C-alpha cells in the first residue's frame, strides 16, 4: 500500500470514529444493533490498518506517528458505551429515525469507501 492511500484511509477513520461517537451519545441510538455492528467493523478496520502499516515504505518516525493516531482512534472506540443487548430498533418498531439514518449509514458507507 502506498503512503498516500494509507494516510487517506486513516483520515477517513477519524471521520468514522467521530460519527460513531456522536451516535453513541445520542439518546435514540445507543441500543441499536446497527451501531454495535458499525463499531465492530471500525475496530476491525483499524486493526487491519495497523497491520498494513508494517508493509508501508515510509520513515520509522512517520510510522510511529501513524501508530499513535491509530491507537488513539482505537481507544476512542473502546471507550464508547456498548449496548448490553443490542436490538434492531427498526424491527422492534422503536427506531425514530427510520431509513434516513445518515450518521450510521454514512459511517458504514465511508468504511466501505476507505477500505477498497
PDB file of N, CA and C in Angstrom:
ATOM      1  N   UNK A   1       0.854  -1.177   0.000  1.00  0.00           N
ATOM      2  CA  UNK A   1       0.000   0.000   0.000  1.00  0.00           C
ATOM      3  C   UNK A   1       0.897   1.237   0.000  1.00  0.00           C
ATOM      4  N   UNK A   2       0.524   2.194  -0.785  1.00  0.00           N
ATOM      5  CA  UNK A   2       1.316   3.415  -0.818  1.00  0.00           C
ATOM      6  C   UNK A   2       0.943   4.334   0.346  1.00  0.00           C
ATOM      7  N   UNK A   3       1.868   5.189   0.696  1.00  0.00           N
ATOM      8  CA  UNK A   3       1.703   6.052   1.867  1.00  0.00           C
ATOM      9  C   UNK A   3       0.498   6.977   1.743  1.00  0.00           C
ATOM     10  N   UNK A   4       0.249   7.496   0.560  1.00  0.00           N
ATOM     11  CA  UNK A   4      -0.859   8.434   0.367  1.00  0.00           C
ATOM     12  C   UNK A   4      -2.206   7.749   0.630  1.00  0.00           C
ATOM     13  N   UNK A   5      -2.363   6.525   0.110  1.00  0.00           N
ATOM     14  CA  UNK A   5      -3.610   5.786   0.329  1.00  0.00           C
ATOM     15  C   UNK A   5      -3.783   5.471   1.814  1.00  0.00           C
ATOM     16  N   UNK A   6      -2.686   5.072   2.461  1.00  0.00           N
ATOM     17  CA  UNK A   6      -2.756   4.770   3.891  1.00  0.00           C
ATOM     18  C   UNK A   6      -3.186   6.008   4.672  1.00  0.00           C
ATOM     19  N   UNK A   7      -2.577   7.128   4.367  1.00  0.00           N
ATOM     20  CA  UNK A   7      -2.896   8.373   5.071  1.00  0.00           C
ATOM     21  C   UNK A   7      -4.360   8.753   4.870  1.00  0.00           C
ATOM     22  N   UNK A   8      -4.868   8.582   3.660  1.00  0.00           N
ATOM     23  CA  UNK A   8      -6.271   8.905   3.394  1.00  0.00           C
ATOM     24  C   UNK A   8      -7.222   7.961   4.130  1.00  0.00           C
ATOM     25  N   UNK A   9      -6.854   6.680   4.235  1.00  0.00           N
ATOM     26  CA  UNK A   9      -7.680   5.749   4.998  1.00  0.00           C
ATOM     27  C   UNK A   9      -7.722   6.168   6.463  1.00  0.00           C
ATOM     28  N   UNK A  10      -6.589   6.557   6.995  1.00  0.00           N
ATOM     29  CA  UNK A  10      -6.532   6.997   8.386  1.00  0.00           C
ATOM     30  C   UNK A  10      -7.405   8.241   8.592  1.00  0.00           C
ATOM     31  N   UNK A  11      -7.366   9.142   7.649  1.00  0.00           N
ATOM     32  CA  UNK A  11      -8.204  10.348   7.735  1.00  0.00           C
ATOM     33  C   UNK A  11      -9.687   9.969   7.713  1.00  0.00           C
ATOM     34  N   UNK A  12     -10.033   8.991   6.877  1.00  0.00           N
ATOM     35  CA  UNK A  12     -11.410   8.529   6.810  1.00  0.00           C
ATOM     36  C   UNK A  12     -11.868   7.931   8.125  1.00  0.00           C
ATOM     37  N   UNK A  13     -10.983   7.169   8.774  1.00  0.00           N
ATOM     38  CA  UNK A  13     -11.355   6.566  10.058  1.00  0.00           C
ATOM     39  C   UNK A  13     -11.570   7.629  11.133  1.00  0.00           C
ATOM     40  N   UNK A  14     -10.903   8.743  11.037  1.00  0.00           N
ATOM     41  CA  UNK A  14     -11.132   9.819  12.008  1.00  0.00           C
ATOM     42  C   UNK A  14     -12.580  10.302  11.910  1.00  0.00           C
ATOM     43  N   UNK A  15     -13.080  10.399  10.698  1.00  0.00           N
ATOM     44  CA  UNK A  15     -14.464  10.833  10.488  1.00  0.00           C
ATOM     45  C   UNK A  15     -15.434   9.759  10.968  1.00  0.00           C
ATOM     46  N   UNK A  16     -15.133   8.504  10.642  1.00  0.00           N
ATOM     47  CA  UNK A  16     -15.993   7.392  11.058  1.00  0.00           C
ATOM     48  C   UNK A  16     -16.098   7.336  12.580  1.00  0.00           C
ATOM     49  N   UNK A  17     -14.967   7.444  13.255  1.00  0.00           N
ATOM     50  CA  UNK A  17     -14.974   7.384  14.719  1.00  0.00           C
ATOM     51  C   UNK A  17     -15.776   8.544  15.294  1.00  0.00           C
ATOM     52  N   UNK A  18     -15.630   9.726  14.723  1.00  0.00           N
ATOM     53  CA  UNK A  18     -16.402  10.884  15.205  1.00  0.00           C
ATOM     54  C   UNK A  18     -17.907  10.649  15.020  1.00  0.00           C
ATOM     55  N   UNK A  19     -18.303  10.082  13.883  1.00  0.00           N
ATOM     56  CA  UNK A  19     -19.725   9.788  13.647  1.00  0.00           C
ATOM     57  C   UNK A  19     -20.247   8.765  14.649  1.00  0.00           C
ATOM     58  N   UNK A  20     -19.478   7.706  14.872  1.00  0.00           N
ATOM     59  CA  UNK A  20     -19.915   6.672  15.802  1.00  0.00           C
ATOM     60  C   UNK A  20     -19.974   7.203  17.229  1.00  0.00           C
ATOM     61  N   UNK A  21     -19.037   8.069  17.560  1.00  0.00           N
ATOM     62  CA  UNK A  21     -19.034   8.675  18.892  1.00  0.00           C
ATOM     63  C   UNK A  21     -20.292   9.517  19.075  1.00  0.00           C
ATOM     64  N   UNK A  22     -20.626  10.278  18.073  1.00  0.00           N
ATOM     65  CA  UNK A  22     -21.821  11.116  18.133  1.00  0.00           C
ATOM     66  C   UNK A  22     -23.077  10.264  18.279  1.00  0.00           C
ATOM     67  N   UNK A  23     -23.173   9.196  17.502  1.00  0.00           N
ATOM     68  CA  UNK A  23     -24.343   8.326  17.571  1.00  0.00           C
ATOM     69  C   UNK A  23     -24.460   7.632  18.916  1.00  0.00           C
ATOM     70  N   UNK A  24     -23.331   7.251  19.501  1.00  0.00           N
ATOM     71  CA  UNK A  24     -23.391   6.546  20.782  1.00  0.00           C
ATOM     72  C   UNK A  24     -23.826   7.474  21.913  1.00  0.00           C
ATOM     73  N   UNK A  25     -23.649   8.774  21.726  1.00  0.00           N
ATOM     74  CA  UNK A  25     -24.053   9.745  22.745  1.00  0.00           C
ATOM     75  C   UNK A  25     -25.493  10.193  22.561  1.00  0.00           C
ATOM     76  N   UNK A  26     -26.065   9.897  21.396  1.00  0.00           N
ATOM     77  CA  UNK A  26     -27.439  10.271  21.094  1.00  0.00           C
ATOM     78  C   UNK A  26     -28.381   9.417  21.937  1.00  0.00           C
ATOM     79  N   UNK A  27     -29.450  10.005  22.415  1.00  0.00           N
ATOM     80  CA  UNK A  27     -30.375   9.238  23.265  1.00  0.00           C
ATOM     81  C   UNK A  27     -31.222   8.248  22.473  1.00  0.00           C
ATOM     82  N   UNK A  28     -31.213   8.329  21.147  1.00  0.00           N
ATOM     83  CA  UNK A  28     -32.026   7.434  20.334  1.00  0.00           C
ATOM     84  C   UNK A  28     -31.307   6.144  19.937  1.00  0.00           C
ATOM     85  N   UNK A  29     -29.978   6.173  19.829  1.00  0.00           N
ATOM     86  CA  UNK A  29     -29.274   5.104  19.133  1.00  0.00           C
ATOM     87  C   UNK A  29     -28.372   4.171  19.956  1.00  0.00           C
ATOM     88  N   UNK A  30     -28.129   4.382  21.213  1.00  0.00           N
ATOM     89  CA  UNK A  30     -27.139   3.543  21.903  1.00  0.00           C
ATOM     90  C   UNK A  30     -27.465   2.053  21.943  1.00  0.00           C
ATOM     91  N   UNK A  31     -28.735   1.664  21.836  1.00  0.00           N
ATOM     92  CA  UNK A  31     -29.091   0.240  21.877  1.00  0.00           C
ATOM     93  C   UNK A  31     -29.216  -0.363  20.491  1.00  0.00           C
ATOM     94  N   UNK A  32     -28.944   0.404  19.453  1.00  0.00           N
ATOM     95  CA  UNK A  32     -29.134  -0.035  18.069  1.00  0.00           C
ATOM     96  C   UNK A  32     -28.086  -1.081  17.675  1.00  0.00           C
ATOM     97  N   UNK A  33     -28.559  -2.180  17.125  1.00  0.00           N
ATOM     98  CA  UNK A  33     -27.651  -3.243  16.679  1.00  0.00           C
ATOM     99  C   UNK A  33     -26.806  -2.769  15.493  1.00  0.00           C
ATOM    100  N   UNK A  34     -27.330  -1.827  14.731  1.00  0.00           N
ATOM    101  CA  UNK A  34     -26.559  -1.264  13.616  1.00  0.00           C
ATOM    102  C   UNK A  34     -25.353  -0.495  14.114  1.00  0.00           C
ATOM    103  N   UNK A  35     -25.527   0.259  15.177  1.00  0.00           N
ATOM    104  CA  UNK A  35     -24.413   0.996  15.778  1.00  0.00           C
ATOM    105  C   UNK A  35     -23.383   0.025  16.324  1.00  0.00           C
ATOM    106  N   UNK A  36     -23.855  -1.009  16.977  1.00  0.00           N
ATOM    107  CA  UNK A  36     -22.965  -2.029  17.520  1.00  0.00           C
ATOM    108  C   UNK A  36     -22.135  -2.673  16.409  1.00  0.00           C
ATOM    109  N   UNK A  37     -22.780  -3.013  15.310  1.00  0.00           N
ATOM    110  CA  UNK A  37     -22.081  -3.616  14.176  1.00  0.00           C
ATOM    111  C   UNK A  37     -21.087  -2.674  13.534  1.00  0.00           C
ATOM    112  N   UNK A  38     -21.460  -1.417  13.406  1.00  0.00           N
ATOM    113  CA  UNK A  38     -20.560  -0.427  12.806  1.00  0.00           C
ATOM    114  C   UNK A  38     -19.328  -0.211  13.681  1.00  0.00           C
ATOM    115  N   UNK A  39     -19.510  -0.212  14.992  1.00  0.00           N
ATOM    116  CA  UNK A  39     -18.360  -0.056  15.892  1.00  0.00           C
ATOM    117  C   UNK A  39     -17.428  -1.257  15.764  1.00  0.00           C
ATOM    118  N   UNK A  40     -17.983  -2.447  15.652  1.00  0.00           N
ATOM    119  CA  UNK A  40     -17.164  -3.649  15.488  1.00  0.00           C
ATOM    120  C   UNK A  40     -16.380  -3.590  14.182  1.00  0.00           C
ATOM    121  N   UNK A  41     -17.029  -3.173  13.089  1.00  0.00           N
ATOM    122  CA  UNK A  41     -16.352  -3.053  11.796  1.00  0.00           C
ATOM    123  C   UNK A  41     -15.219  -2.033  11.866  1.00  0.00           C
ATOM    124  N   UNK A  42     -15.463  -0.923  12.536  1.00  0.00           N
ATOM    125  CA  UNK A  42     -14.436   0.109  12.648  1.00  0.00           C
ATOM    126  C   UNK A  42     -13.243  -0.395  13.446  1.00  0.00           C
ATOM    127  N   UNK A  43     -13.495  -1.121  14.524  1.00  0.00           N
ATOM    128  CA  UNK A  43     -12.395  -1.673  15.331  1.00  0.00           C
ATOM    129  C   UNK A  43     -11.561  -2.645  14.509  1.00  0.00           C
ATOM    130  N   UNK A  44     -12.226  -3.518  13.769  1.00  0.00           N
ATOM    131  CA  UNK A  44     -11.514  -4.479  12.925  1.00  0.00           C
ATOM    132  C   UNK A  44     -10.737  -3.758  11.820  1.00  0.00           C
ATOM    133  N   UNK A  45     -11.339  -2.735  11.263  1.00  0.00           N
ATOM    134  CA  UNK A  45     -10.671  -1.968  10.215  1.00  0.00           C
ATOM    135  C   UNK A  45      -9.413  -1.283  10.713  1.00  0.00           C
ATOM    136  N   UNK A  46      -9.464  -0.749  11.917  1.00  0.00           N
ATOM    137  CA  UNK A  46      -8.279  -0.106  12.484  1.00  0.00           C
ATOM    138  C   UNK A  46      -7.185  -1.132  12.777  1.00  0.00           C
ATOM    139  N   UNK A  47      -7.567  -2.317  13.203  1.00  0.00           N
ATOM    140  CA  UNK A  47      -6.572  -3.382  13.417  1.00  0.00           C
ATOM    141  C   UNK A  47      -5.901  -3.743  12.096  1.00  0.00           C
ATOM    142  N   UNK A  48      -6.700  -3.865  11.050  1.00  0.00           N
ATOM    143  CA  UNK A  48      -6.176  -4.178   9.724  1.00  0.00           C
ATOM    144  C   UNK A  48      -5.248  -3.066   9.237  1.00  0.00           C
ATOM    145  N   UNK A  49      -5.648  -1.825   9.475  1.00  0.00           N
ATOM    146  CA  UNK A  49      -4.836  -0.689   9.060  1.00  0.00           C
ATOM    147  C   UNK A  49      -3.486  -0.707   9.775  1.00  0.00           C
ATOM    148  N   UNK A  50      -3.509  -1.070  11.041  1.00  0.00           N
ATOM    149  CA  UNK A  50      -2.258  -1.146  11.808  1.00  0.00           C
ATOM    150  C   UNK A  50      -1.349  -2.243  11.250  1.00  0.00           C
ATOM    151  N   UNK A  51      -1.942  -3.347  10.823  1.00  0.00           N
ATOM    152  CA  UNK A  51      -1.155  -4.413  10.202  1.00  0.00           C
ATOM    153  C   UNK A  51      -0.584  -3.968   8.860  1.00  0.00           C
ATOM    154  N   UNK A  52      -1.376  -3.234   8.084  1.00  0.00           N
ATOM    155  CA  UNK A  52      -0.913  -2.721   6.795  1.00  0.00           C
ATOM    156  C   UNK A  52       0.265  -1.770   6.954  1.00  0.00           C
ATOM    157  N   UNK A  53       0.331  -1.144   8.091  1.00  0.00           N
ATOM    158  CA  UNK A  53       1.408  -0.187   8.365  1.00  0.00           C
ATOM    159  C   UNK A  53       2.779  -0.855   8.318  1.00  0.00           C
ATOM    160  N   UNK A  54       2.835  -2.128   8.671  1.00  0.00           N
ATOM    161  CA  UNK A  54       4.114  -2.838   8.681  1.00  0.00           C
ATOM    162  C   UNK A  54       4.742  -2.889   7.293  1.00  0.00           C
ATOM    163  N   UNK A  55       3.926  -3.015   6.258  1.00  0.00           N
ATOM    164  CA  UNK A  55       4.440  -3.095   4.900  1.00  0.00           C
ATOM    165  C   UNK A  55       4.589  -1.751   4.213  1.00  0.00           C
ATOM    166  N   UNK A  56       4.327  -0.688   4.914  1.00  0.00           N
ATOM    167  CA  UNK A  56       4.380   0.650   4.332  1.00  0.00           C
ATOM    168  C   UNK A  56       5.816   1.143   4.273  1.00  0.00           C
ATOM    169  N   UNK A  57       6.214   1.666   3.129  1.00  0.00           N
ATOM    170  CA  UNK A  57       7.594   2.155   2.991  1.00  0.00           C
ATOM    171  C   UNK A  57       7.655   3.662   3.252  1.00  0.00           C
ATOM    172  N   UNK A  58       7.657   3.987   4.534  1.00  0.00           N
ATOM    173  CA  UNK A  58       7.818   5.368   4.998  1.00  0.00           C
ATOM    174  C   UNK A  58       8.833   5.347   6.136  1.00  0.00           C
ATOM    175  N   UNK A  59       9.412   6.488   6.453  1.00  0.00           N
ATOM    176  CA  UNK A  59      10.368   6.532   7.566  1.00  0.00           C
ATOM    177  C   UNK A  59       9.744   6.060   8.873  1.00  0.00           C
ATOM    178  N   UNK A  60      10.564   5.504   9.736  1.00  0.00           N
ATOM    179  CA  UNK A  60      10.089   4.946  11.001  1.00  0.00           C
ATOM    180  C   UNK A  60       9.383   5.980  11.877  1.00  0.00           C
ATOM    181  N   UNK A  61       9.871   7.222  11.890  1.00  0.00           N
ATOM    182  CA  UNK A  61       9.215   8.234  12.727  1.00  0.00           C
ATOM    183  C   UNK A  61       7.795   8.516  12.235  1.00  0.00           C
ATOM    184  N   UNK A  62       7.590   8.430  10.924  1.00  0.00           N
ATOM    185  CA  UNK A  62       6.246   8.630  10.376  1.00  0.00           C
ATOM    186  C   UNK A  62       5.349   7.435  10.740  1.00  0.00           C
ATOM    187  N   UNK A  63       5.909   6.226  10.691  1.00  0.00           N
ATOM    188  CA  UNK A  63       5.157   5.044  11.109  1.00  0.00           C
ATOM    189  C   UNK A  63       4.731   5.164  12.569  1.00  0.00           C
ATOM    190  N   UNK A  64       5.629   5.669  13.391  1.00  0.00           N
ATOM    191  CA  UNK A  64       5.314   5.835  14.817  1.00  0.00           C
ATOM    192  C   UNK A  64       4.170   6.816  15.016  1.00  0.00           C
ATOM    193  N   UNK A  65       4.159   7.888  14.229  1.00  0.00           N
ATOM    194  CA  UNK A  65       3.051   8.855  14.315  1.00  0.00           C
ATOM    195  C   UNK A  65       1.737   8.205  13.891  1.00  0.00           C
ATOM    196  N   UNK A  66       1.800   7.375  12.844  1.00  0.00           N
ATOM    197  CA  UNK A  66       0.603   6.666  12.400  1.00  0.00           C
ATOM    198  C   UNK A  66       0.105   5.718  13.490  1.00  0.00           C
ATOM    199  N   UNK A  67       1.025   5.008  14.135  1.00  0.00           N
ATOM    200  CA  UNK A  67       0.648   4.077  15.204  1.00  0.00           C
ATOM    201  C   UNK A  67      -0.051   4.830  16.329  1.00  0.00           C
ATOM    202  N   UNK A  68       0.475   5.983  16.699  1.00  0.00           N
ATOM    203  CA  UNK A  68      -0.128   6.791  17.763  1.00  0.00           C
ATOM    204  C   UNK A  68      -1.550   7.192  17.377  1.00  0.00           C
ATOM    205  N   UNK A  69      -1.732   7.617  16.134  1.00  0.00           N
ATOM    206  CA  UNK A  69      -3.063   8.032  15.690  1.00  0.00           C
ATOM    207  C   UNK A  69      -4.038   6.859  15.678  1.00  0.00           C
ATOM    208  N   UNK A  70      -3.578   5.700  15.183  1.00  0.00           N
ATOM    209  CA  UNK A  70      -4.433   4.513  15.152  1.00  0.00           C
ATOM    210  C   UNK A  70      -4.801   4.107  16.572  1.00  0.00           C
ATOM    211  N   UNK A  71      -3.826   4.116  17.468  1.00  0.00           N
ATOM    212  CA  UNK A  71      -4.094   3.748  18.861  1.00  0.00           C
ATOM    213  C   UNK A  71      -5.078   4.713  19.513  1.00  0.00           C
ATOM    214  N   UNK A  72      -4.964   6.000  19.212  1.00  0.00           N
ATOM    215  CA  UNK A  72      -5.900   6.977  19.771  1.00  0.00           C
ATOM    216  C   UNK A  72      -7.323   6.722  19.270  1.00  0.00           C
ATOM    217  N   UNK A  73      -7.462   6.441  17.975  1.00  0.00           N
ATOM    218  CA  UNK A  73      -8.788   6.156  17.422  1.00  0.00           C
ATOM    219  C   UNK A  73      -9.364   4.876  18.018  1.00  0.00           C
ATOM    220  N   UNK A  74      -8.517   3.877  18.183  1.00  0.00           N
ATOM    221  CA  UNK A  74      -8.959   2.629  18.783  1.00  0.00           C
ATOM    222  C   UNK A  74      -9.419   2.856  20.216  1.00  0.00           C
ATOM    223  N   UNK A  75      -8.672   3.662  20.967  1.00  0.00           N
ATOM    224  CA  UNK A  75      -9.061   3.975  22.348  1.00  0.00           C
ATOM    225  C   UNK A  75     -10.393   4.713  22.387  1.00  0.00           C
ATOM    226  N   UNK A  76     -10.599   5.624  21.446  1.00  0.00           N
ATOM    227  CA  UNK A  76     -11.867   6.344  21.394  1.00  0.00           C
ATOM    228  C   UNK A  76     -13.019   5.361  21.177  1.00  0.00           C
ATOM    229  N   UNK A  77     -12.835   4.424  20.253  1.00  0.00           N
ATOM    230  CA  UNK A  77     -13.881   3.428  20.007  1.00  0.00           C
ATOM    231  C   UNK A  77     -14.097   2.535  21.219  1.00  0.00           C
ATOM    232  N   UNK A  78     -13.012   2.116  21.841  1.00  0.00           N
ATOM    233  CA  UNK A  78     -13.120   1.234  23.005  1.00  0.00           C
ATOM    234  C   UNK A  78     -13.810   1.932  24.178  1.00  0.00           C
ATOM    235  N   UNK A  79     -13.705   3.241  24.238  1.00  0.00           N
ATOM    236  CA  UNK A  79     -14.302   3.969  25.358  1.00  0.00           C
ATOM    237  C   UNK A  79     -15.800   4.212  25.172  1.00  0.00           C
ATOM    238  N   UNK A  80     -16.308   3.959  23.969  1.00  0.00           N
ATOM    239  CA  UNK A  80     -17.733   4.170  23.728  1.00  0.00           C
ATOM    240  C   UNK A  80     -18.551   3.104  24.443  1.00  0.00           C
ATOM    241  N   UNK A  81     -19.681   3.492  24.987  1.00  0.00           N
ATOM    242  CA  UNK A  81     -20.514   2.501  25.680  1.00  0.00           C
ATOM    243  C   UNK A  81     -21.080   1.492  24.686  1.00  0.00           C
ATOM    244  N   UNK A  82     -21.057   0.235  25.091  1.00  0.00           N
ATOM    245  CA  UNK A  82     -21.631  -0.816  24.256  1.00  0.00           C
ATOM    246  C   UNK A  82     -22.961  -1.248  24.857  1.00  0.00           C
ATOM    247  N   UNK A  83     -23.914  -1.492  23.994  1.00  0.00           N
ATOM    248  CA  UNK A  83     -25.219  -1.947  24.454  1.00  0.00           C
ATOM    249  C   UNK A  83     -25.094  -3.359  25.005  1.00  0.00           C
ATOM    250  N   UNK A  84     -25.723  -3.591  26.151  1.00  0.00           N
ATOM    251  CA  UNK A  84     -25.695  -4.930  26.733  1.00  0.00           C
ATOM    252  C   UNK A  84     -26.446  -5.922  25.864  1.00  0.00           C
ATOM    253  N   UNK A  85     -27.549  -5.499  25.319  1.00  0.00           N
ATOM    254  CA  UNK A  85     -28.359  -6.365  24.479  1.00  0.00           C
ATOM    255  C   UNK A  85     -28.822  -5.557  23.268  1.00  0.00           C
ATOM    256  N   UNK A  86     -27.920  -5.371  22.256  1.00  0.00           N
ATOM    257  CA  UNK A  86     -28.309  -4.554  21.110  1.00  0.00           C
ATOM    258  C   UNK A  86     -29.512  -5.148  20.383  1.00  0.00           C
ATOM    259  N   UNK A  87     -30.361  -4.277  19.901  1.00  0.00           N
ATOM    260  CA  UNK A  87     -31.613  -4.671  19.262  1.00  0.00           C
ATOM    261  C   UNK A  87     -31.738  -3.965  17.918  1.00  0.00           C
ATOM    262  N   UNK A  88     -32.344  -4.634  16.966  1.00  0.00           N
ATOM    263  CA  UNK A  88     -32.679  -3.951  15.718  1.00  0.00           C
ATOM    264  C   UNK A  88     -33.871  -3.066  16.029  1.00  0.00           C
ATOM    265  N   UNK A  89     -33.597  -1.804  16.168  1.00  0.00           N
ATOM    266  CA  UNK A  89     -34.645  -0.866  16.570  1.00  0.00           C
ATOM    267  C   UNK A  89     -35.751  -0.756  15.514  1.00  0.00           C
ATOM    268  N   UNK A  90     -35.384  -0.924  14.244  1.00  0.00           N
ATOM    269  CA  UNK A  90     -36.399  -0.858  13.187  1.00  0.00           C
ATOM    270  C   UNK A  90     -37.355  -2.039  13.298  1.00  0.00           C
ATOM    271  N   UNK A  91     -36.800  -3.238  13.473  1.00  0.00           N
ATOM    272  CA  UNK A  91     -37.628  -4.441  13.591  1.00  0.00           C
ATOM    273  C   UNK A  91     -38.513  -4.366  14.832  1.00  0.00           C
ATOM    274  N   UNK A  92     -37.962  -3.821  15.914  1.00  0.00           N
ATOM    275  CA  UNK A  92     -38.720  -3.723  17.160  1.00  0.00           C
ATOM    276  C   UNK A  92     -39.741  -2.594  17.122  1.00  0.00           C
ATOM    277  N   UNK A  93     -39.705  -1.797  16.061  1.00  0.00           N
ATOM    278  CA  UNK A  93     -40.634  -0.679  15.948  1.00  0.00           C
ATOM    279  C   UNK A  93     -40.278   0.491  16.843  1.00  0.00           C
ATOM    280  N   UNK A  94     -39.024   0.553  17.283  1.00  0.00           N
ATOM    281  CA  UNK A  94     -38.588   1.607  18.188  1.00  0.00           C
ATOM    282  C   UNK A  94     -37.710   2.662  17.523  1.00  0.00           C
ATOM    283  N   UNK A  95     -37.353   2.448  16.265  1.00  0.00           N
ATOM    284  CA  UNK A  95     -36.463   3.392  15.579  1.00  0.00           C
ATOM    285  C   UNK A  95     -37.231   4.669  15.274  1.00  0.00           C
ATOM    286  N   UNK A  96     -36.679   5.782  15.709  1.00  0.00           N
ATOM    287  CA  UNK A  96     -37.322   7.073  15.480  1.00  0.00           C
ATOM    288  C   UNK A  96     -36.732   7.778  14.263  1.00  0.00           C
ATOM    289  N   UNK A  97     -35.677   7.212  13.702  1.00  0.00           N
ATOM    290  CA  UNK A  97     -35.026   7.837  12.553  1.00  0.00           C
ATOM    291  C   UNK A  97     -35.466   7.173  11.254  1.00  0.00           C
ATOM    292  N   UNK A  98     -35.592   5.866  11.259  1.00  0.00           N
ATOM    293  CA  UNK A  98     -36.033   5.137  10.077  1.00  0.00           C
ATOM    294  C   UNK A  98     -34.921   4.940   9.065  1.00  0.00           C
ATOM    295  N   UNK A  99     -35.293   4.829   7.818  1.00  0.00           N
ATOM    296  CA  UNK A  99     -34.316   4.513   6.776  1.00  0.00           C
ATOM    297  C   UNK A  99     -33.413   5.692   6.438  1.00  0.00           C
ATOM    298  N   UNK A 100     -33.671   6.827   6.980  1.00  0.00           N
ATOM    299  CA  UNK A 100     -32.865   8.017   6.698  1.00  0.00           C
ATOM    300  C   UNK A 100     -31.791   8.250   7.757  1.00  0.00           C
ATOM    301  N   UNK A 101     -31.253   7.178   8.303  1.00  0.00           N
ATOM    302  CA  UNK A 101     -30.256   7.284   9.376  1.00  0.00           C
ATOM    303  C   UNK A 101     -28.904   7.636   8.774  1.00  0.00           C
ATOM    304  N   UNK A 102     -28.694   8.890   8.449  1.00  0.00           N
ATOM    305  CA  UNK A 102     -27.469   9.305   7.783  1.00  0.00           C
ATOM    306  C   UNK A 102     -26.212   9.037   8.593  1.00  0.00           C
ATOM    307  N   UNK A 103     -26.150   9.404   9.874  1.00  0.00           N
ATOM    308  CA  UNK A 103     -24.872   9.211  10.573  1.00  0.00           C
ATOM    309  C   UNK A 103     -24.399   7.764  10.570  1.00  0.00           C
ATOM    310  N   UNK A 104     -25.276   6.836  10.868  1.00  0.00           N
ATOM    311  CA  UNK A 104     -24.872   5.439  10.915  1.00  0.00           C
ATOM    312  C   UNK A 104     -24.638   4.900   9.505  1.00  0.00           C
ATOM    313  N   UNK A 105     -25.575   5.139   8.595  1.00  0.00           N
ATOM    314  CA  UNK A 105     -25.398   4.682   7.222  1.00  0.00           C
ATOM    315  C   UNK A 105     -24.192   5.353   6.580  1.00  0.00           C
ATOM    316  N   UNK A 106     -23.967   6.618   6.916  1.00  0.00           N
ATOM    317  CA  UNK A 106     -22.810   7.339   6.383  1.00  0.00           C
ATOM    318  C   UNK A 106     -21.500   6.758   6.885  1.00  0.00           C
ATOM    319  N   UNK A 107     -21.466   6.374   8.150  1.00  0.00           N
ATOM    320  CA  UNK A 107     -20.246   5.781   8.711  1.00  0.00           C
ATOM    321  C   UNK A 107     -19.951   4.455   8.031  1.00  0.00           C
ATOM    322  N   UNK A 108     -20.967   3.645   7.818  1.00  0.00           N
ATOM    323  CA  UNK A 108     -20.776   2.346   7.166  1.00  0.00           C
ATOM    324  C   UNK A 108     -20.344   2.539   5.710  1.00  0.00           C
ATOM    325  N   UNK A 109     -20.981   3.464   5.012  1.00  0.00           N
ATOM    326  CA  UNK A 109     -20.616   3.726   3.626  1.00  0.00           C
ATOM    327  C   UNK A 109     -19.180   4.243   3.525  1.00  0.00           C
ATOM    328  N   UNK A 110     -18.789   5.090   4.459  1.00  0.00           N
ATOM    329  CA  UNK A 110     -17.424   5.618   4.428  1.00  0.00           C
ATOM    330  C   UNK A 110     -16.417   4.504   4.690  1.00  0.00           C
ATOM    331  N   UNK A 111     -16.720   3.601   5.611  1.00  0.00           N
ATOM    332  CA  UNK A 111     -15.811   2.484   5.872  1.00  0.00           C
ATOM    333  C   UNK A 111     -15.622   1.647   4.612  1.00  0.00           C
ATOM    334  N   UNK A 112     -16.702   1.454   3.851  1.00  0.00           N
ATOM    335  CA  UNK A 112     -16.597   0.692   2.606  1.00  0.00           C
ATOM    336  C   UNK A 112     -15.699   1.423   1.614  1.00  0.00           C
ATOM    337  N   UNK A 113     -15.843   2.730   1.542  1.00  0.00           N
ATOM    338  CA  UNK A 113     -15.036   3.504   0.601  1.00  0.00           C
ATOM    339  C   UNK A 113     -13.565   3.515   0.992  1.00  0.00           C
ATOM    340  N   UNK A 114     -13.271   3.693   2.243  1.00  0.00           N
ATOM    341  CA  UNK A 114     -11.863   3.841   2.629  1.00  0.00           C
ATOM    342  C   UNK A 114     -11.125   2.514   2.687  1.00  0.00           C
ATOM    343  N   UNK A 115     -11.840   1.404   2.660  1.00  0.00           N
ATOM    344  CA  UNK A 115     -11.149   0.117   2.729  1.00  0.00           C
ATOM    345  C   UNK A 115     -11.058  -0.563   1.365  1.00  0.00           C
ATOM    346  N   UNK A 116     -11.518   0.100   0.311  1.00  0.00           N
ATOM    347  CA  UNK A 116     -11.389  -0.503  -1.031  1.00  0.00           C
ATOM    348  C   UNK A 116     -10.284   0.138  -1.810  1.00  0.00           C
TER     349      UNK A 116
END
